[in-house]
PDB file of N, CA and C in Angstrom:
ATOM      1  N   MET A   1     119.489  16.963  13.893  1.00  0.00           N
ATOM      2  CA  MET A   1     120.798  16.073  14.591  1.00  0.00           C
ATOM      3  C   MET A   1     120.057  15.136  15.751  1.00  0.00           C
ATOM      4  N   LYS A   2     120.648  13.880  15.687  1.00  0.00           N
ATOM      5  CA  LYS A   2     119.937  13.241  16.879  1.00  0.00           C
ATOM      6  C   LYS A   2     121.810  13.185  17.800  1.00  0.00           C
ATOM      7  N   VAL A   3     121.398  13.400  18.907  1.00  0.00           N
ATOM      8  CA  VAL A   3     122.405  13.789  20.015  1.00  0.00           C
ATOM      9  C   VAL A   3     122.457  12.992  21.321  1.00  0.00           C
ATOM     10  N   ALA A   4     123.099  12.097  21.758  1.00  0.00           N
ATOM     11  CA  ALA A   4     122.891  11.215  22.754  1.00  0.00           C
ATOM     12  C   ALA A   4     123.869  12.219  23.821  1.00  0.00           C
ATOM     13  N   VAL A   5     123.374  12.355  25.093  1.00  0.00           N
ATOM     14  CA  VAL A   5     123.910  13.131  25.734  1.00  0.00           C
ATOM     15  C   VAL A   5     124.355  12.188  27.175  1.00  0.00           C
ATOM     16  N   LEU A   6     125.608  11.551  26.913  1.00  0.00           N
ATOM     17  CA  LEU A   6     125.965  10.912  28.120  1.00  0.00           C
ATOM     18  C   LEU A   6     126.042  11.661  29.628  1.00  0.00           C
ATOM     19  N   LYS A   7     125.604  10.986  30.635  1.00  0.00           N
ATOM     20  CA  LYS A   7     125.633  11.644  31.554  1.00  0.00           C
ATOM     21  C   LYS A   7     125.737  10.704  33.074  1.00  0.00           C
ATOM     22  N   GLY A   8     125.767  11.194  34.099  1.00  0.00           N
ATOM     23  CA  GLY A   8     125.632   9.894  35.040  1.00  0.00           C
ATOM     24  C   GLY A   8     126.790   9.406  35.336  1.00  0.00           C
ATOM     25  N   GLY A   9     126.818   7.969  35.234  1.00  0.00           N
ATOM     26  CA  GLY A   9     128.249   7.408  35.297  1.00  0.00           C
ATOM     27  C   GLY A   9     128.498   6.664  36.771  1.00  0.00           C
ATOM     28  N   ARG A  10     129.534   6.275  37.119  1.00  0.00           N
ATOM     29  CA  ARG A  10     129.724   5.838  38.306  1.00  0.00           C
ATOM     30  C   ARG A  10     130.811   6.506  39.200  1.00  0.00           C
ATOM     31  N   SER A  11     131.163   8.093  38.996  1.00  0.00           N
ATOM     32  CA  SER A  11     131.919   8.280  39.775  1.00  0.00           C
ATOM     33  C   SER A  11     131.437   9.164  40.833  1.00  0.00           C
ATOM     34  N   LEU A  12     132.076   9.586  41.720  1.00  0.00           N
ATOM     35  CA  LEU A  12     131.413  10.351  43.100  1.00  0.00           C
ATOM     36  C   LEU A  12     130.947  11.584  42.540  1.00  0.00           C
ATOM     37  N   GLU A  13     130.699  12.024  41.065  1.00  0.00           N
ATOM     38  CA  GLU A  13     130.649  13.193  40.862  1.00  0.00           C
ATOM     39  C   GLU A  13     129.348  12.759  39.888  1.00  0.00           C
ATOM     40  N   ARG A  14     128.737  12.136  39.856  1.00  0.00           N
ATOM     41  CA  ARG A  14     127.290  11.472  39.113  1.00  0.00           C
ATOM     42  C   ARG A  14     126.184  12.394  39.231  1.00  0.00           C
ATOM     43  N   ASN A  15     125.940  12.888  40.383  1.00  0.00           N
ATOM     44  CA  ASN A  15     124.867  13.928  40.807  1.00  0.00           C
ATOM     45  C   ASN A  15     125.184  15.271  40.002  1.00  0.00           C
ATOM     46  N   VAL A  16     126.315  15.614  39.689  1.00  0.00           N
ATOM     47  CA  VAL A  16     126.541  16.726  39.159  1.00  0.00           C
ATOM     48  C   VAL A  16     126.767  16.397  37.621  1.00  0.00           C
ATOM     49  N   SER A  17     127.180  15.286  37.034  1.00  0.00           N
ATOM     50  CA  SER A  17     127.225  14.917  35.632  1.00  0.00           C
ATOM     51  C   SER A  17     125.428  14.882  35.521  1.00  0.00           C
ATOM     52  N   LEU A  18     124.675  14.243  36.432  1.00  0.00           N
ATOM     53  CA  LEU A  18     123.414  14.429  36.047  1.00  0.00           C
ATOM     54  C   LEU A  18     122.748  15.833  35.704  1.00  0.00           C
ATOM     55  N   ARG A  19     122.781  16.696  36.593  1.00  0.00           N
ATOM     56  CA  ARG A  19     122.499  18.087  36.375  1.00  0.00           C
ATOM     57  C   ARG A  19     123.015  19.216  35.497  1.00  0.00           C
ATOM     58  N   SER A  20     124.190  18.462  34.822  1.00  0.00           N
ATOM     59  CA  SER A  20     124.798  19.166  34.033  1.00  0.00           C
ATOM     60  C   SER A  20     124.602  18.719  32.311  1.00  0.00           C
ATOM     61  N   GLY A  21     124.048  17.409  32.576  1.00  0.00           N
ATOM     62  CA  GLY A  21     123.710  16.664  31.732  1.00  0.00           C
ATOM     63  C   GLY A  21     122.195  17.372  31.064  1.00  0.00           C
ATOM     64  N   ALA A  22     121.481  17.411  32.050  1.00  0.00           N
ATOM     65  CA  ALA A  22     120.089  17.804  31.798  1.00  0.00           C
ATOM     66  C   ALA A  22     120.064  19.265  31.100  1.00  0.00           C
ATOM     67  N   ARG A  23     120.898  20.299  31.617  1.00  0.00           N
ATOM     68  CA  ARG A  23     121.046  21.518  31.213  1.00  0.00           C
ATOM     69  C   ARG A  23     121.663  21.550  29.443  1.00  0.00           C
ATOM     70  N   VAL A  24     122.653  20.397  29.347  1.00  0.00           N
ATOM     71  CA  VAL A  24     122.913  20.768  28.117  1.00  0.00           C
ATOM     72  C   VAL A  24     121.699  19.805  27.020  1.00  0.00           C
ATOM     73  N   GLU A  25     121.013  18.790  27.494  1.00  0.00           N
ATOM     74  CA  GLU A  25     119.828  18.538  26.723  1.00  0.00           C
ATOM     75  C   GLU A  25     118.984  19.628  26.656  1.00  0.00           C
ATOM     76  N   ASP A  26     118.634  20.410  27.559  1.00  0.00           N
ATOM     77  CA  ASP A  26     117.826  21.531  27.322  1.00  0.00           C
ATOM     78  C   ASP A  26     118.715  22.364  26.238  1.00  0.00           C
ATOM     79  N   ALA A  27     119.478  22.852  26.437  1.00  0.00           N
ATOM     80  CA  ALA A  27     120.294  24.070  25.425  1.00  0.00           C
ATOM     81  C   ALA A  27     120.015  23.190  23.776  1.00  0.00           C
ATOM     82  N   LEU A  28     120.354  21.879  23.788  1.00  0.00           N
ATOM     83  CA  LEU A  28     120.222  21.347  22.330  1.00  0.00           C
ATOM     84  C   LEU A  28     118.859  21.104  21.961  1.00  0.00           C
ATOM     85  N   GLN A  29     118.062  20.668  22.767  1.00  0.00           N
ATOM     86  CA  GLN A  29     116.799  20.803  22.364  1.00  0.00           C
ATOM     87  C   GLN A  29     116.136  22.356  21.817  1.00  0.00           C
ATOM     88  N   LYS A  30     116.539  23.038  22.658  1.00  0.00           N
ATOM     89  CA  LYS A  30     115.915  24.397  22.020  1.00  0.00           C
ATOM     90  C   LYS A  30     116.703  24.915  20.585  1.00  0.00           C
ATOM     91  N   LEU A  31     117.946  24.215  20.160  1.00  0.00           N
ATOM     92  CA  LEU A  31     118.394  24.568  19.235  1.00  0.00           C
ATOM     93  C   LEU A  31     118.059  23.644  18.232  1.00  0.00           C
ATOM     94  N   GLY A  32     116.847  22.808  18.237  1.00  0.00           N
ATOM     95  CA  GLY A  32     116.089  22.053  17.727  1.00  0.00           C
ATOM     96  C   GLY A  32     116.568  20.523  17.371  1.00  0.00           C
ATOM     97  N   HIS A  33     117.551  19.863  18.171  1.00  0.00           N
ATOM     98  CA  HIS A  33     118.073  18.964  18.115  1.00  0.00           C
ATOM     99  C   HIS A  33     117.226  17.887  18.838  1.00  0.00           C
ATOM    100  N   GLU A  34     117.206  16.546  18.357  1.00  0.00           N
ATOM    101  CA  GLU A  34     116.677  15.621  18.815  1.00  0.00           C
ATOM    102  C   GLU A  34     117.732  15.012  20.017  1.00  0.00           C
ATOM    103  N   VAL A  35     117.276  15.195  21.217  1.00  0.00           N
ATOM    104  CA  VAL A  35     118.219  14.546  22.363  1.00  0.00           C
ATOM    105  C   VAL A  35     117.916  13.337  22.624  1.00  0.00           C
ATOM    106  N   VAL A  36     118.565  12.284  23.270  1.00  0.00           N
ATOM    107  CA  VAL A  36     118.434  11.006  23.883  1.00  0.00           C
ATOM    108  C   VAL A  36     119.228  11.264  25.502  1.00  0.00           C
ATOM    109  N   PRO A  37     118.736  11.190  26.360  1.00  0.00           N
ATOM    110  CA  PRO A  37     119.737  11.150  27.281  1.00  0.00           C
ATOM    111  C   PRO A  37     120.297   9.391  27.647  1.00  0.00           C
ATOM    112  N   VAL A  38     121.343   9.454  27.837  1.00  0.00           N
ATOM    113  CA  VAL A  38     121.844   7.969  28.235  1.00  0.00           C
ATOM    114  C   VAL A  38     122.704   8.053  29.762  1.00  0.00           C
ATOM    115  N   ASP A  39     121.969   7.323  30.520  1.00  0.00           N
ATOM    116  CA  ASP A  39     122.797   7.007  31.853  1.00  0.00           C
ATOM    117  C   ASP A  39     123.692   5.963  31.511  1.00  0.00           C
ATOM    118  N   VAL A  40     125.304   6.311  31.676  1.00  0.00           N
ATOM    119  CA  VAL A  40     126.174   5.742  31.139  1.00  0.00           C
ATOM    120  C   VAL A  40     126.391   4.675  32.448  1.00  0.00           C
ATOM    121  N   GLY A  41     126.570   3.486  32.355  1.00  0.00           N
ATOM    122  CA  GLY A  41     126.848   2.260  32.571  1.00  0.00           C
ATOM    123  C   GLY A  41     127.267   1.126  31.786  1.00  0.00           C
ATOM    124  N   PRO A  42     127.502  -0.136  32.785  1.00  0.00           N
ATOM    125  CA  PRO A  42     128.093  -1.578  31.631  1.00  0.00           C
ATOM    126  C   PRO A  42     127.367  -1.424  30.268  1.00  0.00           C
ATOM    127  N   ASP A  43     126.075  -1.093  30.460  1.00  0.00           N
ATOM    128  CA  ASP A  43     125.373  -1.389  28.690  1.00  0.00           C
ATOM    129  C   ASP A  43     125.535  -0.137  28.026  1.00  0.00           C
ATOM    130  N   LEU A  44     126.590   0.581  28.123  1.00  0.00           N
ATOM    131  CA  LEU A  44     126.576   1.934  26.976  1.00  0.00           C
ATOM    132  C   LEU A  44     126.274   1.676  25.809  1.00  0.00           C
ATOM    133  N   VAL A  45     127.687   0.520  25.239  1.00  0.00           N
ATOM    134  CA  VAL A  45     127.413   0.259  23.587  1.00  0.00           C
ATOM    135  C   VAL A  45     126.170  -0.056  23.673  1.00  0.00           C
ATOM    136  N   ASP A  46     125.121  -1.368  24.342  1.00  0.00           N
ATOM    137  CA  ASP A  46     124.211  -1.215  23.979  1.00  0.00           C
ATOM    138  C   ASP A  46     123.323  -0.287  23.797  1.00  0.00           C
ATOM    139  N   GLN A  47     123.368   0.560  24.523  1.00  0.00           N
ATOM    140  CA  GLN A  47     122.030   1.636  24.560  1.00  0.00           C
ATOM    141  C   GLN A  47     122.460   2.493  23.577  1.00  0.00           C
ATOM    142  N   LEU A  48     124.102   2.742  23.215  1.00  0.00           N
ATOM    143  CA  LEU A  48     124.305   3.534  21.649  1.00  0.00           C
ATOM    144  C   LEU A  48     123.751   3.116  20.473  1.00  0.00           C
ATOM    145  N   GLN A  49     123.979   1.697  20.318  1.00  0.00           N
ATOM    146  CA  GLN A  49     123.577   1.033  19.319  1.00  0.00           C
ATOM    147  C   GLN A  49     121.904   1.195  19.014  1.00  0.00           C
ATOM    148  N   THR A  50     121.162   0.665  20.179  1.00  0.00           N
ATOM    149  CA  THR A  50     119.883   0.995  19.811  1.00  0.00           C
ATOM    150  C   THR A  50     119.239   2.586  19.465  1.00  0.00           C
ATOM    151  N   VAL A  51     120.072   3.547  20.084  1.00  0.00           N
ATOM    152  CA  VAL A  51     119.158   4.515  19.840  1.00  0.00           C
ATOM    153  C   VAL A  51     120.298   5.277  18.348  1.00  0.00           C
ATOM    154  N   LYS A  52     121.042   4.713  18.030  1.00  0.00           N
ATOM    155  CA  LYS A  52     121.951   5.327  17.086  1.00  0.00           C
ATOM    156  C   LYS A  52     121.987   6.852  16.698  1.00  0.00           C
ATOM    157  N   PRO A  53     122.811   7.339  17.870  1.00  0.00           N
ATOM    158  CA  PRO A  53     123.121   8.901  17.574  1.00  0.00           C
ATOM    159  C   PRO A  53     123.901   9.380  16.483  1.00  0.00           C
ATOM    160  N   ASP A  54     123.585  10.658  16.098  1.00  0.00           N
ATOM    161  CA  ASP A  54     124.286  11.036  15.073  1.00  0.00           C
ATOM    162  C   ASP A  54     125.945  11.513  15.718  1.00  0.00           C
ATOM    163  N   VAL A  55     125.748  11.779  16.821  1.00  0.00           N
ATOM    164  CA  VAL A  55     126.775  12.424  17.759  1.00  0.00           C
ATOM    165  C   VAL A  55     126.556  12.513  19.387  1.00  0.00           C
ATOM    166  N   ALA A  56     127.696  12.131  20.017  1.00  0.00           N
ATOM    167  CA  ALA A  56     127.201  12.031  21.653  1.00  0.00           C
ATOM    168  C   ALA A  56     128.051  13.197  22.452  1.00  0.00           C
ATOM    169  N   PHE A  57     127.275  14.019  23.043  1.00  0.00           N
ATOM    170  CA  PHE A  57     128.225  14.690  23.982  1.00  0.00           C
ATOM    171  C   PHE A  57     128.475  14.313  25.307  1.00  0.00           C
ATOM    172  N   VAL A  58     129.756  14.250  25.761  1.00  0.00           N
ATOM    173  CA  VAL A  58     130.057  13.970  26.952  1.00  0.00           C
ATOM    174  C   VAL A  58     129.836  14.760  28.178  1.00  0.00           C
ATOM    175  N   ALA A  59     128.812  14.343  28.922  1.00  0.00           N
ATOM    176  CA  ALA A  59     128.804  15.384  30.075  1.00  0.00           C
ATOM    177  C   ALA A  59     129.031  14.575  31.617  1.00  0.00           C
ATOM    178  N   LEU A  60     129.949  13.820  31.282  1.00  0.00           N
ATOM    179  CA  LEU A  60     130.460  12.997  32.432  1.00  0.00           C
ATOM    180  C   LEU A  60     131.340  13.679  33.418  1.00  0.00           C
ATOM    181  N   HIS A  61     131.481  13.391  34.344  1.00  0.00           N
ATOM    182  CA  HIS A  61     132.370  14.754  35.595  1.00  0.00           C
ATOM    183  C   HIS A  61     133.049  13.386  36.372  1.00  0.00           C
ATOM    184  N   GLY A  62     134.414  13.915  36.660  1.00  0.00           N
ATOM    185  CA  GLY A  62     135.119  12.712  37.744  1.00  0.00           C
ATOM    186  C   GLY A  62     136.261  11.963  36.656  1.00  0.00           C
ATOM    187  N   ARG A  63     136.664  11.028  37.522  1.00  0.00           N
ATOM    188  CA  ARG A  63     137.448  10.133  36.869  1.00  0.00           C
ATOM    189  C   ARG A  63     136.697   9.274  36.070  1.00  0.00           C
ATOM    190  N   GLY A  64     137.394   9.240  34.616  1.00  0.00           N
ATOM    191  CA  GLY A  64     136.808   8.594  33.428  1.00  0.00           C
ATOM    192  C   GLY A  64     136.122   9.034  32.747  1.00  0.00           C
ATOM    193  N   GLY A  65     135.481  10.291  33.115  1.00  0.00           N
ATOM    194  CA  GLY A  65     134.564  11.230  32.691  1.00  0.00           C
ATOM    195  C   GLY A  65     134.845  12.540  31.975  1.00  0.00           C
ATOM    196  N   SER A  66     135.219  13.548  32.755  1.00  0.00           N
ATOM    197  CA  SER A  66     136.135  14.687  32.293  1.00  0.00           C
ATOM    198  C   SER A  66     137.159  14.491  31.749  1.00  0.00           C
ATOM    199  N   GLU A  67     137.763  13.887  32.079  1.00  0.00           N
ATOM    200  CA  GLU A  67     139.380  13.351  31.279  1.00  0.00           C
ATOM    201  C   GLU A  67     139.158  13.282  29.819  1.00  0.00           C
ATOM    202  N   MET A  68     137.975  12.799  29.259  1.00  0.00           N
ATOM    203  CA  MET A  68     137.711  12.441  27.994  1.00  0.00           C
ATOM    204  C   MET A  68     138.811  11.737  27.341  1.00  0.00           C
ATOM    205  N   ARG A  69     138.764  10.365  27.698  1.00  0.00           N
ATOM    206  CA  ARG A  69     139.705   9.469  27.495  1.00  0.00           C
ATOM    207  C   ARG A  69     138.948   8.633  26.494  1.00  0.00           C
ATOM    208  N   LEU A  70     139.070   8.069  25.457  1.00  0.00           N
ATOM    209  CA  LEU A  70     138.079   7.727  24.254  1.00  0.00           C
ATOM    210  C   LEU A  70     138.934   6.520  23.672  1.00  0.00           C
ATOM    211  N   ASN A  71     138.459   5.502  23.151  1.00  0.00           N
ATOM    212  CA  ASN A  71     139.103   4.658  22.904  1.00  0.00           C
ATOM    213  C   ASN A  71     138.594   4.396  21.250  1.00  0.00           C
ATOM    214  N   PHE A  72     139.510   4.464  20.222  1.00  0.00           N
ATOM    215  CA  PHE A  72     139.195   4.604  18.812  1.00  0.00           C
ATOM    216  C   PHE A  72     139.805   3.554  18.140  1.00  0.00           C
ATOM    217  N   SER A  73     139.789   2.268  19.073  1.00  0.00           N
ATOM    218  CA  SER A  73     140.258   1.198  17.944  1.00  0.00           C
ATOM    219  C   SER A  73     139.487   0.598  17.347  1.00  0.00           C
ATOM    220  N   GLY A  74     139.947   0.482  16.245  1.00  0.00           N
ATOM    221  CA  GLY A  74     138.663  -0.324  15.458  1.00  0.00           C
ATOM    222  C   GLY A  74     137.640   0.411  14.569  1.00  0.00           C
ATOM    223  N   VAL A  75     137.958   1.733  14.649  1.00  0.00           N
ATOM    224  CA  VAL A  75     137.046   2.630  13.917  1.00  0.00           C
ATOM    225  C   VAL A  75     138.270   3.753  13.017  1.00  0.00           C
ATOM    226  N   SER A  76     137.605   3.574  11.966  1.00  0.00           N
ATOM    227  CA  SER A  76     138.806   4.312  10.570  1.00  0.00           C
ATOM    228  C   SER A  76     138.664   5.728  10.847  1.00  0.00           C
ATOM    229  N   ASP A  77     140.034   5.902  10.074  1.00  0.00           N
ATOM    230  CA  ASP A  77     140.529   7.444  10.310  1.00  0.00           C
ATOM    231  C   ASP A  77     139.211   8.291   9.555  1.00  0.00           C
ATOM    232  N   ALA A  78     138.277   7.848   8.647  1.00  0.00           N
ATOM    233  CA  ALA A  78     137.269   8.623   8.025  1.00  0.00           C
ATOM    234  C   ALA A  78     136.338   9.185   9.228  1.00  0.00           C
ATOM    235  N   ASP A  79     136.107   7.675   9.626  1.00  0.00           N
ATOM    236  CA  ASP A  79     134.764   7.520  10.541  1.00  0.00           C
ATOM    237  C   ASP A  79     135.120   8.971  11.836  1.00  0.00           C
ATOM    238  N   ILE A  80     136.410   8.622  12.091  1.00  0.00           N
ATOM    239  CA  ILE A  80     136.870   9.982  13.235  1.00  0.00           C
ATOM    240  C   ILE A  80     137.258  11.227  12.909  1.00  0.00           C
ATOM    241  N   ARG A  81     137.498  11.484  11.791  1.00  0.00           N
ATOM    242  CA  ARG A  81     137.106  12.635  11.176  1.00  0.00           C
ATOM    243  C   ARG A  81     135.678  13.143  11.223  1.00  0.00           C
ATOM    244  N   GLU A  82     134.868  12.490  10.720  1.00  0.00           N
ATOM    245  CA  GLU A  82     133.288  12.666  10.545  1.00  0.00           C
ATOM    246  C   GLU A  82     132.975  12.923  11.847  1.00  0.00           C
ATOM    247  N   GLY A  83     132.931  12.014  12.641  1.00  0.00           N
ATOM    248  CA  GLY A  83     133.002  12.363  14.398  1.00  0.00           C
ATOM    249  C   GLY A  83     133.150  13.739  14.665  1.00  0.00           C
ATOM    250  N   ILE A  84     134.461  14.000  14.249  1.00  0.00           N
ATOM    251  CA  ILE A  84     135.035  15.125  14.899  1.00  0.00           C
ATOM    252  C   ILE A  84     134.389  16.528  14.307  1.00  0.00           C
ATOM    253  N   ARG A  85     133.993  16.314  13.088  1.00  0.00           N
ATOM    254  CA  ARG A  85     133.429  17.506  12.284  1.00  0.00           C
ATOM    255  C   ARG A  85     132.384  17.511  13.016  1.00  0.00           C
ATOM    256  N   ARG A  86     131.092  16.417  13.434  1.00  0.00           N
ATOM    257  CA  ARG A  86     130.005  16.417  13.675  1.00  0.00           C
ATOM    258  C   ARG A  86     129.843  17.287  15.206  1.00  0.00           C
ATOM    259  N   ILE A  87     130.923  16.795  16.143  1.00  0.00           N
ATOM    260  CA  ILE A  87     131.226  17.361  17.639  1.00  0.00           C
ATOM    261  C   ILE A  87     131.438  18.829  17.523  1.00  0.00           C
ATOM    262  N   GLY A  88     132.379  19.318  16.372  1.00  0.00           N
ATOM    263  CA  GLY A  88     132.605  20.638  16.321  1.00  0.00           C
ATOM    264  C   GLY A  88     131.499  21.535  15.949  1.00  0.00           C
ATOM    265  N   LYS A  89     130.594  20.694  15.161  1.00  0.00           N
ATOM    266  CA  LYS A  89     129.262  21.583  14.743  1.00  0.00           C
ATOM    267  C   LYS A  89     128.369  21.657  15.915  1.00  0.00           C
ATOM    268  N   VAL A  90     128.393  20.730  16.879  1.00  0.00           N
ATOM    269  CA  VAL A  90     127.597  20.809  18.217  1.00  0.00           C
ATOM    270  C   VAL A  90     127.761  22.049  19.055  1.00  0.00           C
ATOM    271  N   VAL A  91     129.661  21.658  19.187  1.00  0.00           N
ATOM    272  CA  VAL A  91     130.009  23.043  20.050  1.00  0.00           C
ATOM    273  C   VAL A  91     129.669  24.296  19.389  1.00  0.00           C
ATOM    274  N   ARG A  92     129.903  24.640  17.880  1.00  0.00           N
ATOM    275  CA  ARG A  92     129.941  25.915  17.618  1.00  0.00           C
ATOM    276  C   ARG A  92     128.418  26.233  18.009  1.00  0.00           C
ATOM    277  N   GLU A  93     127.379  25.414  17.813  1.00  0.00           N
ATOM    278  CA  GLU A  93     126.078  25.675  18.178  1.00  0.00           C
ATOM    279  C   GLU A  93     125.962  25.970  19.367  1.00  0.00           C
ATOM    280  N   GLN A  94     126.698  25.632  20.474  1.00  0.00           N
ATOM    281  CA  GLN A  94     126.409  25.783  21.723  1.00  0.00           C
ATOM    282  C   GLN A  94     127.095  26.995  21.914  1.00  0.00           C
ATOM    283  N   VAL A  95     128.118  27.388  21.790  1.00  0.00           N
ATOM    284  CA  VAL A  95     128.765  28.782  21.728  1.00  0.00           C
ATOM    285  C   VAL A  95     128.129  29.657  21.143  1.00  0.00           C
ATOM    286  N   ASP A  96     127.116  29.677  19.976  1.00  0.00           N
ATOM    287  CA  ASP A  96     126.318  30.340  19.213  1.00  0.00           C
ATOM    288  C   ASP A  96     125.111  30.450  20.494  1.00  0.00           C
ATOM    289  N   LEU A  97     124.494  29.736  20.750  1.00  0.00           N
ATOM    290  CA  LEU A  97     123.333  29.680  22.003  1.00  0.00           C
ATOM    291  C   LEU A  97     123.934  30.359  23.398  1.00  0.00           C
ATOM    292  N   TYR A  98     124.827  29.955  23.710  1.00  0.00           N
ATOM    293  CA  TYR A  98     125.554  31.153  24.893  1.00  0.00           C
ATOM    294  C   TYR A  98     125.696  32.335  24.672  1.00  0.00           C
ATOM    295  N   SER A  99     126.407  33.139  23.332  1.00  0.00           N
ATOM    296  CA  SER A  99     126.549  34.087  22.788  1.00  0.00           C
ATOM    297  C   SER A  99     125.119  34.596  23.210  1.00  0.00           C
ATOM    298  N   THR A 100     124.115  34.219  22.501  1.00  0.00           N
ATOM    299  CA  THR A 100     123.012  34.668  22.257  1.00  0.00           C
ATOM    300  C   THR A 100     122.542  35.130  23.734  1.00  0.00           C
ATOM    301  N   LEU A 101     122.544  33.939  24.655  1.00  0.00           N
ATOM    302  CA  LEU A 101     121.630  33.889  26.071  1.00  0.00           C
ATOM    303  C   LEU A 101     122.521  34.955  26.723  1.00  0.00           C
ATOM    304  N   THR A 102     123.855  35.466  26.938  1.00  0.00           N
ATOM    305  CA  THR A 102     124.670  36.202  27.527  1.00  0.00           C
ATOM    306  C   THR A 102     125.126  37.798  26.860  1.00  0.00           C
ATOM    307  N   GLY A 103     124.701  37.695  25.325  1.00  0.00           N
ATOM    308  CA  GLY A 103     125.276  38.643  24.808  1.00  0.00           C
ATOM    309  C   GLY A 103     126.920  38.886  24.611  1.00  0.00           C
ATOM    310  N   SER A 104     127.537  37.887  25.002  1.00  0.00           N
ATOM    311  CA  SER A 104     129.090  38.011  24.616  1.00  0.00           C
ATOM    312  C   SER A 104     129.652  37.550  23.319  1.00  0.00           C
ATOM    313  N   LYS A 105     130.382  37.522  23.245  1.00  0.00           N
ATOM    314  CA  LYS A 105     130.957  37.245  21.881  1.00  0.00           C
ATOM    315  C   LYS A 105     132.164  36.182  22.194  1.00  0.00           C
ATOM    316  N   PRO A 106     132.399  34.819  21.386  1.00  0.00           N
ATOM    317  CA  PRO A 106     133.195  33.834  21.545  1.00  0.00           C
ATOM    318  C   PRO A 106     134.588  34.690  21.530  1.00  0.00           C
ATOM    319  N   ALA A 107     135.370  34.162  22.908  1.00  0.00           N
ATOM    320  CA  ALA A 107     136.741  34.698  22.492  1.00  0.00           C
ATOM    321  C   ALA A 107     138.000  33.822  21.597  1.00  0.00           C
ATOM    322  N   ALA A 108     137.492  32.408  20.918  1.00  0.00           N
ATOM    323  CA  ALA A 108     138.115  31.685  19.960  1.00  0.00           C
ATOM    324  C   ALA A 108     137.646  32.371  18.532  1.00  0.00           C
ATOM    325  N   PRO A 109     138.317  32.324  17.838  1.00  0.00           N
ATOM    326  CA  PRO A 109     137.515  31.879  16.482  1.00  0.00           C
ATOM    327  C   PRO A 109     136.908  30.904  16.041  1.00  0.00           C
ATOM    328  N   ALA A 110     136.111  30.756  15.158  1.00  0.00           N
ATOM    329  CA  ALA A 110     135.332  29.586  14.668  1.00  0.00           C
ATOM    330  C   ALA A 110     136.027  28.394  14.259  1.00  0.00           C
ATOM    331  N   ALA A 111     135.502  27.717  14.659  1.00  0.00           N
ATOM    332  CA  ALA A 111     136.768  26.102  14.042  1.00  0.00           C
ATOM    333  C   ALA A 111     136.905  25.967  12.553  1.00  0.00           C
ATOM    334  N   GLU A 112     135.856  26.824  11.969  1.00  0.00           N
ATOM    335  CA  GLU A 112     136.030  26.586  10.192  1.00  0.00           C
ATOM    336  C   GLU A 112     137.304  27.535  10.319  1.00  0.00           C
ATOM    337  N   ASN A 113     137.683  28.756  10.686  1.00  0.00           N
ATOM    338  CA  ASN A 113     138.462  29.403  10.660  1.00  0.00           C
ATOM    339  C   ASN A 113     140.091  29.158  10.833  1.00  0.00           C
ATOM    340  N   VAL A 114     139.678  28.260  12.315  1.00  0.00           N
ATOM    341  CA  VAL A 114     140.859  27.463  12.789  1.00  0.00           C
ATOM    342  C   VAL A 114     141.600  26.508  11.869  1.00  0.00           C
ATOM    343  N   VAL A 115     140.726  25.530  10.953  1.00  0.00           N
ATOM    344  CA  VAL A 115     141.073  24.990  10.259  1.00  0.00           C
ATOM    345  C   VAL A 115     141.706  25.168   8.920  1.00  0.00           C
ATOM    346  N   GLU A 116     140.616  26.233   8.334  1.00  0.00           N
ATOM    347  CA  GLU A 116     141.406  27.122   7.379  1.00  0.00           C
ATOM    348  C   GLU A 116     143.017  27.550   7.416  1.00  0.00           C
ATOM    349  N   LEU A 117     143.463  28.261   8.754  1.00  0.00           N
ATOM    350  CA  LEU A 117     144.567  28.783   8.986  1.00  0.00           C
ATOM    351  C   LEU A 117     145.571  27.738   9.084  1.00  0.00           C
ATOM    352  N   ARG A 118     145.203  26.596   9.797  1.00  0.00           N
ATOM    353  CA  ARG A 118     146.027  25.202   9.906  1.00  0.00           C
ATOM    354  C   ARG A 118     146.391  24.712   8.092  1.00  0.00           C
ATOM    355  N   ARG A 119     145.447  24.877   7.563  1.00  0.00           N
ATOM    356  CA  ARG A 119     145.285  24.332   6.108  1.00  0.00           C
ATOM    357  C   ARG A 119     146.743  25.080   5.399  1.00  0.00           C
ATOM    358  N   LYS A 120     146.395  26.748   5.629  1.00  0.00           N
ATOM    359  CA  LYS A 120     147.200  27.514   4.947  1.00  0.00           C
ATOM    360  C   LYS A 120     148.731  27.632   5.381  1.00  0.00           C
ATOM    361  N   ALA A 121     148.811  27.266   6.778  1.00  0.00           N
ATOM    362  CA  ALA A 121     150.542  27.183   7.142  1.00  0.00           C
ATOM    363  C   ALA A 121     150.724  25.690   6.852  1.00  0.00           C
ATOM    364  N   GLY A 122     150.136  24.826   6.343  1.00  0.00           N
ATOM    365  CA  GLY A 122     151.116  23.818   5.868  1.00  0.00           C
ATOM    366  C   GLY A 122     150.563  22.556   6.216  1.00  0.00           C
TER     367      GLY A 122
END
């Protein structure tokens, strides 16, 4: 999977974001993903259109970054669902990597179990 790691930005926590983004890139590469680092700036849309990632990992910190405010205007429901599914897959892989590195088990059930529970609940 081609993953764009969004890092940097203009907040006061830019350096923290660059460092954590680099760690995310390393972890994703170890999982076999093609990683594209993206230093977030005014040309973000152009950068993403050029690299055409399957999914993006947001490693931004500070105002406008770690708040995870995303604009989905003009995006279909199907595309939003597919994006969420892909993000969930990457998160599961990262949790698995963390578990492998630390020997600990995830605290929460796997995402597919949560979805299945919600389907059963109604």
